[in-house]
Amino acid sequence: MEQKSLKLNMILNAVKGLLGILFPLITFPYISKVLGVENIGKYIFAYSIINYFVLIAGLGIATYAVREGAYIRGDLQKLQRFSDEIFSLNIVSTVFSYLLLIVVVYITPKMQEYKILLFILSLQIMFKALGVEWIYSIYEDYTYITIRSVLFQIISLILMFSFVKTDGDINKYAIITVISAVGSNILNYVHSKRYLTIRLIKNFGWKIHAKPIMVLFATTLMVTVYVSSDITILGFLCNDEIVGVYSVSTKIYTIVKTILSSVIVVSIPRISALLSNGNREVVNAVAQDIYETLLSISLPAVTGIILLRKQIVLLISAQEYIRATSSLLLLSLALFFCMGVYFWGQCILVPLKKEKIVFKATVLSALANIILNLILIPIWQENAAAFSTIVAEAISYYYCLYWGKQEICMQNTEKTIIKIIIGCIGIVLVVSVFHNLIGNKIVYLIASIAGSIFIYVIIEILLKNHAVSTIAGIRHISERFTKKNN
């Protein structure tokens, strides 16, 4: 199979993540104003409930399929059998999840108020297995994934502006979000025939796959618990308005997290493939390159969000959501730990088949998050939810970092971090100067982002941060400049 460029895959997935920022920046301001803070709270609460059942339907299948499929992708016959088994297992788990949702909705009084929303959003569960997204990760086909994402984001954008026009259109909005997800999944299945003809089979050898899948599922479940429990507990202990306010800060947090994680998610099948060849030195080098790239993007992103949080909140919502700035400040701090967890957990330990370590880290984090939420949310509401996220992510990060460093040897990352911090100081100076010079909020935000990116990239190139030079596409220029000066 032709080896695809890891850097190209990173760029394509980052483009996909970037579009994941641009489209919500267009849609969420409109939706938050049209539906209002209470209806937004209802939608977000219902969506958080459905997430648990989407998770049950998915088990740990996607992560397991990418990891194991990358090992055998050179053997078409083995991969075909493996894919049929995984797909069949996923269908069974999907049916079980949907039946469980029906039971939970009808026996829980709180759910009755959200019954229609829940069943509209639940259609995602039925079509998730059909999406076979893991096939495209195994073959590193991020070009298709990016194009498909753009297509369905445009379709959902057109439908939203056409049909969602009053605060009573909350169900229409839910249907549109489902159409986008379902359409993507159907197209995925049709397009997957380019690689494999995936079939539903009776004897899918579930015992072979059960143990690693359940470990990964338990890990993902714990992650979902400490990601979604904030919204869920807020919904039960507070009200829809508080959930609506918190949804703004979590929306921004999720958008940025998605784009940052897109930088490293493409590396998982590559590292798995390298490990199958036993080339640990190359793995160490690739891991260090990815880690430094992640740090070079995530730290300035956190800095920017902290400095511009008020303008960002007002950009994607309205004045009635302004109290979301305090929880956004806390969540932006959690981003650093979150990205560290993703790297050391999903990018390093899972490909090394150390998922039990990731599971233990996740259990500790989830327990801490739930306990803190239950204690603090009645007192500090959405700020308590954000604070508990910081604690949970930090616990998971340090646990995975400790065990990850037992497996991967990286050198001189401290020097790169110092360079990044100097670049972030440049961002602080740019934002401060523009704050005093520019009165218009939108112009101030745009100028601050553009100016910060420009000054940060220049500083990092001058300091010879090769990760930034590569992303900017001018690494060869800086290397020539260095050789001439030497």
Protein backbone atom coordinates (compact mmCIF):
# COMPACT_ATOMS: atom_id res chain seq x y z
CA MET A 1 0.00 0.00 0.00
CA GLU A 2 1.24 3.49 -0.83
CA GLN A 3 2.55 5.23 2.28
CA LYS A 4 0.68 8.47 2.84
CA SER A 5 2.43 11.53 4.24
CA LEU A 6 1.89 11.80 7.99
CA LYS A 7 2.28 15.58 7.79
CA LEU A 8 -0.28 15.74 4.95
CA ASN A 9 -2.68 13.66 7.03
CA MET A 10 -2.14 16.02 9.96
CA ILE A 11 -2.86 19.02 7.72
CA LEU A 12 -5.98 17.41 6.21
CA ASN A 13 -7.32 16.44 9.61
CA ALA A 14 -6.49 19.90 10.93
CA VAL A 15 -8.43 21.39 7.99
CA LYS A 16 -11.36 19.17 8.95
CA GLY A 17 -11.02 20.39 12.51
CA LEU A 18 -10.71 23.99 11.34
CA LEU A 19 -13.96 23.65 9.42
CA GLY A 20 -15.36 22.21 12.63
CA ILE A 21 -14.57 25.60 14.11
CA LEU A 22 -15.78 27.76 11.24
CA PHE A 23 -19.19 26.12 10.84
CA PRO A 24 -20.14 26.34 14.54
CA LEU A 25 -18.94 29.95 14.49
CA ILE A 26 -21.55 30.51 11.79
CA THR A 27 -24.32 28.30 13.16
CA PHE A 28 -24.11 28.58 16.95
CA PRO A 29 -24.53 32.39 17.12
CA TYR A 30 -27.66 32.04 15.01
CA ILE A 31 -29.03 29.04 16.89
CA SER A 32 -28.28 30.46 20.35
CA LYS A 33 -30.18 33.66 19.52
CA VAL A 34 -33.11 32.02 17.70
CA LEU A 35 -33.73 29.20 20.19
CA GLY A 36 -32.76 31.14 23.33
CA VAL A 37 -30.75 30.05 26.34
CA GLU A 38 -33.42 27.73 27.81
CA ASN A 39 -34.08 25.78 24.60
CA ILE A 40 -30.35 25.52 23.96
CA GLY A 41 -30.09 24.06 27.45
CA LYS A 42 -32.80 21.50 26.66
CA TYR A 43 -31.09 20.44 23.44
CA ILE A 44 -27.66 20.15 25.06
CA PHE A 45 -29.04 18.14 27.98
CA ALA A 46 -30.86 15.72 25.65
CA TYR A 47 -27.74 15.42 23.50
CA SER A 48 -25.63 14.59 26.57
CA ILE A 49 -28.02 11.74 27.42
CA ILE A 50 -27.91 10.35 23.87
CA ASN A 51 -24.10 10.43 23.96
CA TYR A 52 -24.10 7.67 26.58
CA PHE A 53 -26.13 5.40 24.30
CA VAL A 54 -24.04 6.25 21.25
CA LEU A 55 -21.10 5.16 23.37
CA ILE A 56 -22.75 1.88 24.34
CA ALA A 57 -23.53 1.20 20.68
CA GLY A 58 -19.94 1.89 19.68
CA LEU A 59 -18.31 0.00 22.57
CA GLY A 60 -14.54 0.42 22.12
CA ILE A 61 -14.83 -0.89 18.57
CA ALA A 62 -13.53 2.10 16.59
CA THR A 63 -10.26 2.45 18.53
CA TYR A 64 -9.72 -1.30 18.57
CA ALA A 65 -10.46 -1.61 14.84
CA VAL A 66 -7.98 1.13 13.92
CA ARG A 67 -5.25 -0.34 16.09
CA GLU A 68 -5.65 -3.98 15.02
CA GLY A 69 -6.53 -3.14 11.42
CA ALA A 70 -3.33 -1.11 11.01
CA TYR A 71 -1.32 -4.20 11.94
CA ILE A 72 -2.87 -6.34 9.19
CA ARG A 73 -3.75 -3.79 6.51
CA GLY A 74 -1.14 -5.33 4.21
CA ASP A 75 -3.07 -8.63 4.17
CA LEU A 76 -6.39 -8.00 2.39
CA GLN A 77 -7.88 -11.40 3.24
CA LYS A 78 -7.23 -11.03 6.97
CA LEU A 79 -8.45 -7.46 6.99
CA GLN A 80 -11.66 -8.43 5.16
CA ARG A 81 -12.48 -11.10 7.74
CA PHE A 82 -11.56 -8.80 10.61
CA SER A 83 -13.73 -5.97 9.22
CA ASP A 84 -16.75 -8.26 8.76
CA GLU A 85 -16.43 -9.43 12.36
CA ILE A 86 -16.07 -5.92 13.75
CA PHE A 87 -19.01 -4.61 11.71
CA SER A 88 -21.27 -7.49 12.81
CA LEU A 89 -20.33 -7.02 16.45
CA ASN A 90 -21.10 -3.31 16.14
CA ILE A 91 -24.56 -4.00 14.74
CA VAL A 92 -25.39 -6.23 17.74
CA SER A 93 -24.20 -3.59 20.23
CA THR A 94 -26.23 -0.93 18.39
CA VAL A 95 -29.49 -2.91 18.67
CA PHE A 96 -28.84 -3.48 22.38
CA SER A 97 -28.12 0.22 22.97
CA TYR A 98 -31.31 1.35 21.25
CA LEU A 99 -33.48 -1.07 23.24
CA LEU A 100 -31.81 0.10 26.46
CA LEU A 101 -32.55 3.75 25.58
CA ILE A 102 -36.26 2.98 25.09
CA VAL A 103 -36.43 1.35 28.53
CA VAL A 104 -34.56 4.19 30.28
CA VAL A 105 -36.72 6.91 28.72
CA TYR A 106 -39.98 5.26 29.80
CA ILE A 107 -38.92 4.48 33.38
CA THR A 108 -37.27 7.84 34.17
CA PRO A 109 -39.72 10.68 34.94
CA LYS A 110 -37.15 13.41 34.17
CA MET A 111 -36.75 12.07 30.63
CA GLN A 112 -40.42 12.48 29.76
CA GLU A 113 -39.98 16.22 29.25
CA TYR A 114 -37.27 15.54 26.66
CA LYS A 115 -38.84 12.43 25.08
CA ILE A 116 -39.33 13.81 21.55
CA LEU A 117 -35.85 15.34 21.43
CA LEU A 118 -34.29 12.14 22.69
CA PHE A 119 -35.91 9.95 20.07
CA ILE A 120 -35.02 12.32 17.24
CA LEU A 121 -31.37 12.42 18.33
CA SER A 122 -31.35 8.66 18.90
CA LEU A 123 -31.43 8.05 15.14
CA GLN A 124 -27.69 8.68 15.26
CA ILE A 125 -27.30 5.49 17.26
CA MET A 126 -28.90 3.37 14.53
CA PHE A 127 -26.63 4.64 11.76
CA LYS A 128 -23.34 5.00 13.67
CA ALA A 129 -22.24 1.42 13.00
CA LEU A 130 -22.99 1.83 9.30
CA GLY A 131 -20.47 4.68 9.14
CA VAL A 132 -17.40 2.34 9.47
CA GLU A 133 -15.22 5.42 9.98
CA TRP A 134 -12.42 3.19 11.24
CA ILE A 135 -11.86 1.84 7.72
CA TYR A 136 -10.70 5.27 6.56
CA SER A 137 -8.39 5.65 9.55
CA ILE A 138 -6.83 2.24 8.88
CA TYR A 139 -6.08 3.26 5.29
CA GLU A 140 -5.25 6.84 6.34
CA ASP A 141 -7.76 8.21 3.81
CA TYR A 142 -8.11 11.65 5.36
CA THR A 143 -8.70 13.30 2.00
CA TYR A 144 -12.10 11.59 1.70
CA ILE A 145 -12.98 12.26 5.34
CA THR A 146 -12.21 15.98 4.91
CA ILE A 147 -14.25 16.33 1.69
CA ARG A 148 -17.20 14.43 3.16
CA SER A 149 -17.17 16.57 6.30
CA VAL A 150 -17.24 19.78 4.26
CA LEU A 151 -20.12 18.50 2.11
CA PHE A 152 -22.43 17.59 4.97
CA GLN A 153 -21.57 20.67 7.00
CA ILE A 154 -22.67 22.79 4.04
CA ILE A 155 -25.89 20.77 3.68
CA SER A 156 -26.74 21.12 7.38
CA LEU A 157 -25.93 24.85 7.24
CA ILE A 158 -28.39 25.40 4.37
CA LEU A 159 -31.11 23.35 6.10
CA MET A 160 -30.64 25.18 9.38
CA PHE A 161 -31.01 28.68 7.92
CA SER A 162 -33.99 27.49 5.85
CA PHE A 163 -36.05 25.80 8.57
CA VAL A 164 -34.94 26.99 12.02
CA LYS A 165 -36.41 30.48 12.45
CA THR A 166 -38.20 30.66 15.83
CA ASP A 167 -37.66 29.38 19.38
CA GLY A 168 -40.27 26.70 18.67
CA ASP A 169 -38.07 25.05 16.03
CA ILE A 170 -35.91 23.10 18.47
CA ASN A 171 -37.10 19.74 17.10
CA LYS A 172 -36.38 20.87 13.55
CA TYR A 173 -32.86 21.77 14.63
CA ALA A 174 -32.44 18.31 16.16
CA ILE A 175 -33.63 16.66 12.93
CA ILE A 176 -31.15 18.68 10.87
CA THR A 177 -28.22 17.63 13.08
CA VAL A 178 -29.34 14.02 12.72
CA ILE A 179 -29.64 14.30 8.92
CA SER A 180 -26.03 15.46 8.72
CA ALA A 181 -24.75 12.57 10.84
CA VAL A 182 -26.89 9.91 9.16
CA GLY A 183 -25.98 11.15 5.67
CA SER A 184 -22.29 10.96 6.48
CA ASN A 185 -22.66 7.41 7.77
CA ILE A 186 -24.56 6.20 4.69
CA LEU A 187 -22.00 7.76 2.34
CA ASN A 188 -19.19 6.20 4.38
CA TYR A 189 -20.63 2.74 3.94
CA VAL A 190 -21.11 3.13 0.19
CA HIS A 191 -17.63 4.59 -0.30
CA SER A 192 -15.99 1.89 1.86
CA LYS A 193 -16.43 -0.58 -1.03
CA ARG A 194 -13.37 1.08 -2.55
CA TYR A 195 -11.36 -0.79 0.07
CA LEU A 196 -13.50 -3.67 1.34
CA THR A 197 -16.97 -5.12 0.88
CA ILE A 198 -18.11 -5.16 4.48
CA ARG A 199 -20.81 -7.71 5.26
CA LEU A 200 -22.96 -8.74 8.21
CA ILE A 201 -21.99 -12.30 9.23
CA LYS A 202 -23.40 -14.74 11.79
CA ASN A 203 -20.21 -16.19 13.26
CA PHE A 204 -18.15 -13.13 14.06
CA GLY A 205 -15.91 -14.59 16.76
CA TRP A 206 -16.92 -12.11 19.43
CA LYS A 207 -14.90 -13.96 22.11
CA ILE A 208 -11.65 -13.11 20.33
CA HIS A 209 -12.37 -9.40 20.31
CA ALA A 210 -14.41 -9.08 23.50
CA LYS A 211 -11.67 -8.54 26.10
CA PRO A 212 -9.67 -5.72 24.42
CA ILE A 213 -12.85 -4.08 23.14
CA MET A 214 -14.44 -4.06 26.59
CA VAL A 215 -11.31 -2.56 28.14
CA LEU A 216 -11.34 0.19 25.51
CA PHE A 217 -15.10 0.60 25.96
CA ALA A 218 -14.73 0.95 29.71
CA THR A 219 -12.04 3.58 29.14
CA THR A 220 -14.20 5.49 26.65
CA LEU A 221 -17.17 5.19 29.01
CA MET A 222 -15.18 6.77 31.81
CA VAL A 223 -14.04 9.53 29.46
CA THR A 224 -17.63 10.20 28.44
CA VAL A 225 -18.72 10.18 32.07
CA TYR A 226 -16.30 12.92 33.03
CA VAL A 227 -16.92 14.83 29.80
CA SER A 228 -20.72 14.58 29.74
CA SER A 229 -21.48 14.23 33.44
CA ASP A 230 -21.01 17.99 33.85
CA ILE A 231 -23.98 18.69 31.56
CA THR A 232 -26.01 15.76 32.88
CA ILE A 233 -25.58 16.70 36.55
CA LEU A 234 -26.17 20.39 35.78
CA GLY A 235 -29.40 19.37 34.05
CA PHE A 236 -30.60 17.36 37.04
CA LEU A 237 -29.40 19.67 39.85
CA CYS A 238 -29.86 23.09 38.24
CA ASN A 239 -32.01 24.12 35.26
CA ASP A 240 -32.02 24.44 31.48
CA GLU A 241 -30.83 28.05 31.63
CA ILE A 242 -27.63 27.14 33.51
CA VAL A 243 -27.06 24.28 31.06
CA GLY A 244 -27.55 26.74 28.20
CA VAL A 245 -24.93 29.12 29.61
CA TYR A 246 -22.44 26.30 30.22
CA SER A 247 -23.08 24.96 26.73
CA VAL A 248 -21.42 28.05 25.25
CA SER A 249 -18.15 27.51 27.10
CA THR A 250 -18.22 23.76 26.43
CA LYS A 251 -18.96 24.42 22.75
CA ILE A 252 -15.82 26.56 22.47
CA TYR A 253 -13.83 24.04 24.52
CA THR A 254 -15.00 21.14 22.34
CA ILE A 255 -14.31 22.98 19.09
CA VAL A 256 -10.74 23.80 20.08
CA LYS A 257 -10.19 20.31 21.51
CA THR A 258 -11.39 18.77 18.25
CA ILE A 259 -9.02 20.79 16.12
CA LEU A 260 -6.07 20.15 18.42
CA SER A 261 -6.72 16.42 18.67
CA SER A 262 -6.97 16.25 14.87
CA VAL A 263 -3.25 16.98 14.77
CA ILE A 264 -2.41 13.72 16.52
CA VAL A 265 -5.29 11.33 15.79
CA VAL A 266 -3.82 10.64 12.34
CA SER A 267 -0.65 9.33 13.96
CA ILE A 268 -2.32 6.39 15.73
CA PRO A 269 -2.42 3.98 12.75
CA ARG A 270 1.11 5.06 11.73
CA ILE A 271 2.57 4.36 15.16
CA SER A 272 0.72 1.02 15.28
CA ALA A 273 2.22 0.08 11.92
CA LEU A 274 5.73 1.11 13.04
CA LEU A 275 5.37 -0.92 16.23
CA SER A 276 4.40 -3.99 14.19
CA ASN A 277 7.79 -3.70 12.48
CA GLY A 278 9.58 -3.49 15.82
CA ASN A 279 11.28 -0.21 14.94
CA ARG A 280 11.27 1.50 18.33
CA GLU A 281 13.82 4.18 17.40
CA VAL A 282 11.63 5.43 14.58
CA VAL A 283 8.60 5.33 16.91
CA ASN A 284 10.49 7.47 19.43
CA ALA A 285 11.38 10.01 16.73
CA VAL A 286 7.84 10.16 15.30
CA ALA A 287 6.33 10.43 18.81
CA GLN A 288 8.61 13.33 19.72
CA ASP A 289 7.77 15.12 16.47
CA ILE A 290 4.04 14.72 17.11
CA TYR A 291 4.33 15.78 20.76
CA GLU A 292 6.28 18.93 19.95
CA THR A 293 3.80 19.78 17.19
CA LEU A 294 0.92 19.34 19.63
CA LEU A 295 2.56 21.56 22.25
CA SER A 296 3.38 24.19 19.63
CA ILE A 297 -0.31 24.45 18.74
CA SER A 298 -2.10 23.81 22.04
CA LEU A 299 -0.22 26.21 24.35
CA PRO A 300 -0.76 29.32 22.17
CA ALA A 301 -4.40 28.24 21.66
CA VAL A 302 -4.93 28.13 25.44
CA THR A 303 -3.24 31.53 25.79
CA GLY A 304 -5.46 33.06 23.12
CA ILE A 305 -8.69 31.72 24.61
CA ILE A 306 -7.84 33.04 28.06
CA LEU A 307 -7.05 36.52 26.70
CA LEU A 308 -10.02 36.76 24.29
CA ARG A 309 -12.66 34.72 26.14
CA LYS A 310 -15.18 37.56 26.44
CA GLN A 311 -15.01 38.43 22.73
CA ILE A 312 -15.23 34.74 21.76
CA VAL A 313 -18.34 34.18 23.90
CA LEU A 314 -20.08 37.21 22.42
CA LEU A 315 -19.06 36.17 18.90
CA ILE A 316 -20.72 32.76 19.05
CA SER A 317 -23.69 33.66 21.25
CA ALA A 318 -25.30 36.77 22.75
CA GLN A 319 -25.08 39.04 25.79
CA GLU A 320 -27.41 36.75 27.79
CA TYR A 321 -24.64 34.09 27.72
CA ILE A 322 -21.85 36.43 28.96
CA ARG A 323 -21.48 34.66 32.32
CA ALA A 324 -20.00 31.75 30.33
CA THR A 325 -16.65 33.61 30.30
CA SER A 326 -15.73 32.40 33.80
CA SER A 327 -16.33 28.72 33.02
CA LEU A 328 -14.54 29.16 29.67
CA LEU A 329 -11.45 30.46 31.49
CA LEU A 330 -11.38 27.31 33.60
CA LEU A 331 -12.02 24.99 30.65
CA SER A 332 -9.23 26.60 28.64
CA LEU A 333 -6.80 25.57 31.39
CA ALA A 334 -8.15 22.02 31.13
CA LEU A 335 -7.24 21.96 27.41
CA PHE A 336 -3.53 21.56 28.15
CA PHE A 337 -4.09 18.49 30.29
CA CYS A 338 -6.70 17.13 27.87
CA MET A 339 -4.30 17.21 24.92
CA GLY A 340 -1.56 15.62 27.02
CA VAL A 341 -3.93 12.79 27.93
CA TYR A 342 -4.84 12.29 24.29
CA PHE A 343 -1.19 12.07 23.25
CA TRP A 344 0.12 9.80 26.01
CA GLY A 345 -3.06 7.73 26.17
CA GLN A 346 -4.48 7.31 22.67
CA CYS A 347 -1.34 7.99 20.63
CA ILE A 348 1.24 6.10 22.74
CA LEU A 349 -0.21 3.69 25.30
CA VAL A 350 -3.16 2.35 23.27
CA PRO A 351 -1.04 1.46 20.16
CA LEU A 352 1.39 -0.22 22.59
CA LYS A 353 -1.58 -2.27 23.85
CA LYS A 354 -1.34 -0.67 27.29
CA GLU A 355 -5.01 0.25 27.31
CA LYS A 356 -5.40 -1.04 30.87
CA ILE A 357 -3.18 1.82 32.06
CA VAL A 358 -5.37 4.32 30.19
CA PHE A 359 -8.43 2.68 31.71
CA LYS A 360 -7.10 3.04 35.26
CA ALA A 361 -6.24 6.69 34.62
CA THR A 362 -9.70 7.30 33.23
CA VAL A 363 -11.46 5.61 36.15
CA LEU A 364 -9.59 7.81 38.64
CA SER A 365 -10.44 10.91 36.61
CA ALA A 366 -14.10 10.01 36.20
CA LEU A 367 -14.56 9.31 39.89
CA ALA A 368 -12.91 12.59 40.84
CA ASN A 369 -15.04 14.46 38.31
CA ILE A 370 -18.36 12.96 39.43
CA ILE A 371 -17.64 13.44 43.13
CA LEU A 372 -16.56 17.06 42.64
CA ASN A 373 -19.58 17.76 40.43
CA LEU A 374 -22.03 16.39 42.96
CA ILE A 375 -20.43 18.37 45.80
CA LEU A 376 -19.67 21.67 44.06
CA ILE A 377 -22.35 22.15 41.36
CA PRO A 378 -25.10 23.02 43.88
CA ILE A 379 -22.77 25.79 45.14
CA TRP A 380 -20.90 27.13 42.09
CA GLN A 381 -23.04 25.74 39.27
CA GLU A 382 -21.30 25.89 35.83
CA ASN A 383 -17.97 27.06 37.29
CA ALA A 384 -17.88 23.98 39.49
CA ALA A 385 -18.43 21.80 36.43
CA ALA A 386 -15.52 23.47 34.65
CA PHE A 387 -13.25 23.20 37.70
CA SER A 388 -13.98 19.49 38.06
CA THR A 389 -12.92 19.04 34.42
CA ILE A 390 -9.52 20.58 35.17
CA VAL A 391 -8.95 18.24 38.11
CA ALA A 392 -10.09 15.18 36.14
CA GLU A 393 -7.92 15.95 33.11
CA ALA A 394 -4.88 16.69 35.31
CA ILE A 395 -5.18 13.37 37.14
CA SER A 396 -5.42 11.44 33.87
CA TYR A 397 -2.59 13.43 32.29
CA TYR A 398 -0.02 12.80 35.02
CA TYR A 399 -0.93 9.12 35.27
CA CYS A 400 -0.56 8.54 31.51
CA LEU A 401 2.57 10.71 31.39
CA TYR A 402 4.29 8.61 34.04
CA TRP A 403 3.60 5.31 32.30
CA GLY A 404 4.08 6.69 28.80
CA LYS A 405 7.61 7.80 29.60
CA GLN A 406 8.41 4.21 30.57
CA GLU A 407 7.74 3.22 26.96
CA ILE A 408 8.82 6.21 24.84
CA CYS A 409 12.11 8.07 25.06
CA MET A 410 11.97 11.74 24.09
CA GLN A 411 14.78 14.25 24.45
CA ASN A 412 15.03 18.03 24.80
CA THR A 413 11.28 18.69 24.89
CA GLU A 414 12.00 21.23 27.65
CA LYS A 415 13.85 23.43 25.14
CA THR A 416 10.85 23.36 22.80
CA ILE A 417 8.49 24.26 25.65
CA ILE A 418 10.66 27.30 26.54
CA LYS A 419 10.51 28.45 22.90
CA ILE A 420 6.72 28.05 22.90
CA ILE A 421 6.34 30.03 26.14
CA ILE A 422 8.37 32.89 24.63
CA GLY A 423 6.04 32.80 21.62
CA CYS A 424 3.01 32.92 23.95
CA ILE A 425 4.45 36.02 25.63
CA GLY A 426 4.43 37.56 22.15
CA ILE A 427 0.71 36.71 21.89
CA VAL A 428 0.01 38.44 25.22
CA LEU A 429 1.80 41.58 24.03
CA VAL A 430 -0.06 41.65 20.70
CA VAL A 431 -3.48 41.25 22.33
CA SER A 432 -2.65 43.91 24.94
CA VAL A 433 -1.57 46.43 22.30
CA PHE A 434 -4.67 45.84 20.15
CA HIS A 435 -6.91 46.10 23.23
CA ASN A 436 -5.72 49.69 23.73
CA LEU A 437 -5.82 50.63 20.04
CA ILE A 438 -9.02 49.04 18.69
CA GLY A 439 -12.49 49.86 19.99
CA ASN A 440 -14.66 47.67 17.75
CA LYS A 441 -15.04 44.23 19.36
CA ILE A 442 -15.15 42.20 16.15
CA VAL A 443 -12.22 44.05 14.58
CA TYR A 444 -10.31 43.68 17.85
CA LEU A 445 -10.92 39.92 17.91
CA ILE A 446 -9.94 39.36 14.27
CA ALA A 447 -6.88 41.61 14.51
CA SER A 448 -5.77 39.95 17.75
CA ILE A 449 -6.05 36.43 16.30
CA ALA A 450 -4.30 37.33 13.04
CA GLY A 451 -1.61 39.36 14.77
CA SER A 452 -1.03 36.68 17.41
CA ILE A 453 -0.62 33.93 14.82
CA PHE A 454 1.77 36.07 12.81
CA ILE A 455 3.99 37.11 15.73
CA TYR A 456 3.95 33.60 17.26
CA VAL A 457 5.03 31.94 14.01
CA ILE A 458 7.79 34.52 13.47
CA ILE A 459 9.12 34.08 17.03
CA GLU A 460 9.09 30.28 16.77
CA ILE A 461 10.89 30.32 13.42
CA LEU A 462 13.55 32.64 14.80
CA LEU A 463 13.92 30.36 17.82
CA LYS A 464 14.19 27.35 15.46
CA ASN A 465 11.09 25.52 16.64
CA HIS A 466 11.03 22.99 13.80
CA ALA A 467 7.46 21.88 14.56
CA VAL A 468 6.11 25.34 13.75
CA SER A 469 8.41 25.69 10.72
CA THR A 470 7.03 22.43 9.31
CA ILE A 471 3.41 23.43 9.90
CA ALA A 472 4.06 26.78 8.25
CA GLY A 473 5.59 24.95 5.27
CA ILE A 474 8.86 26.83 5.46
CA ARG A 475 11.08 24.46 7.39
CA HIS A 476 13.43 24.07 4.42
CA ILE A 477 13.77 27.87 4.21
CA SER A 478 14.71 28.18 7.88
CA GLU A 479 17.18 25.30 7.53
CA ARG A 480 18.87 27.01 4.58
CA PHE A 481 18.97 30.28 6.54
CA THR A 482 20.60 28.46 9.45
CA LYS A 483 23.21 26.82 7.21
CA LYS A 484 24.14 30.16 5.64
CA ASN A 485 24.60 31.75 9.05
CA ASN A 486 26.78 28.85 10.14
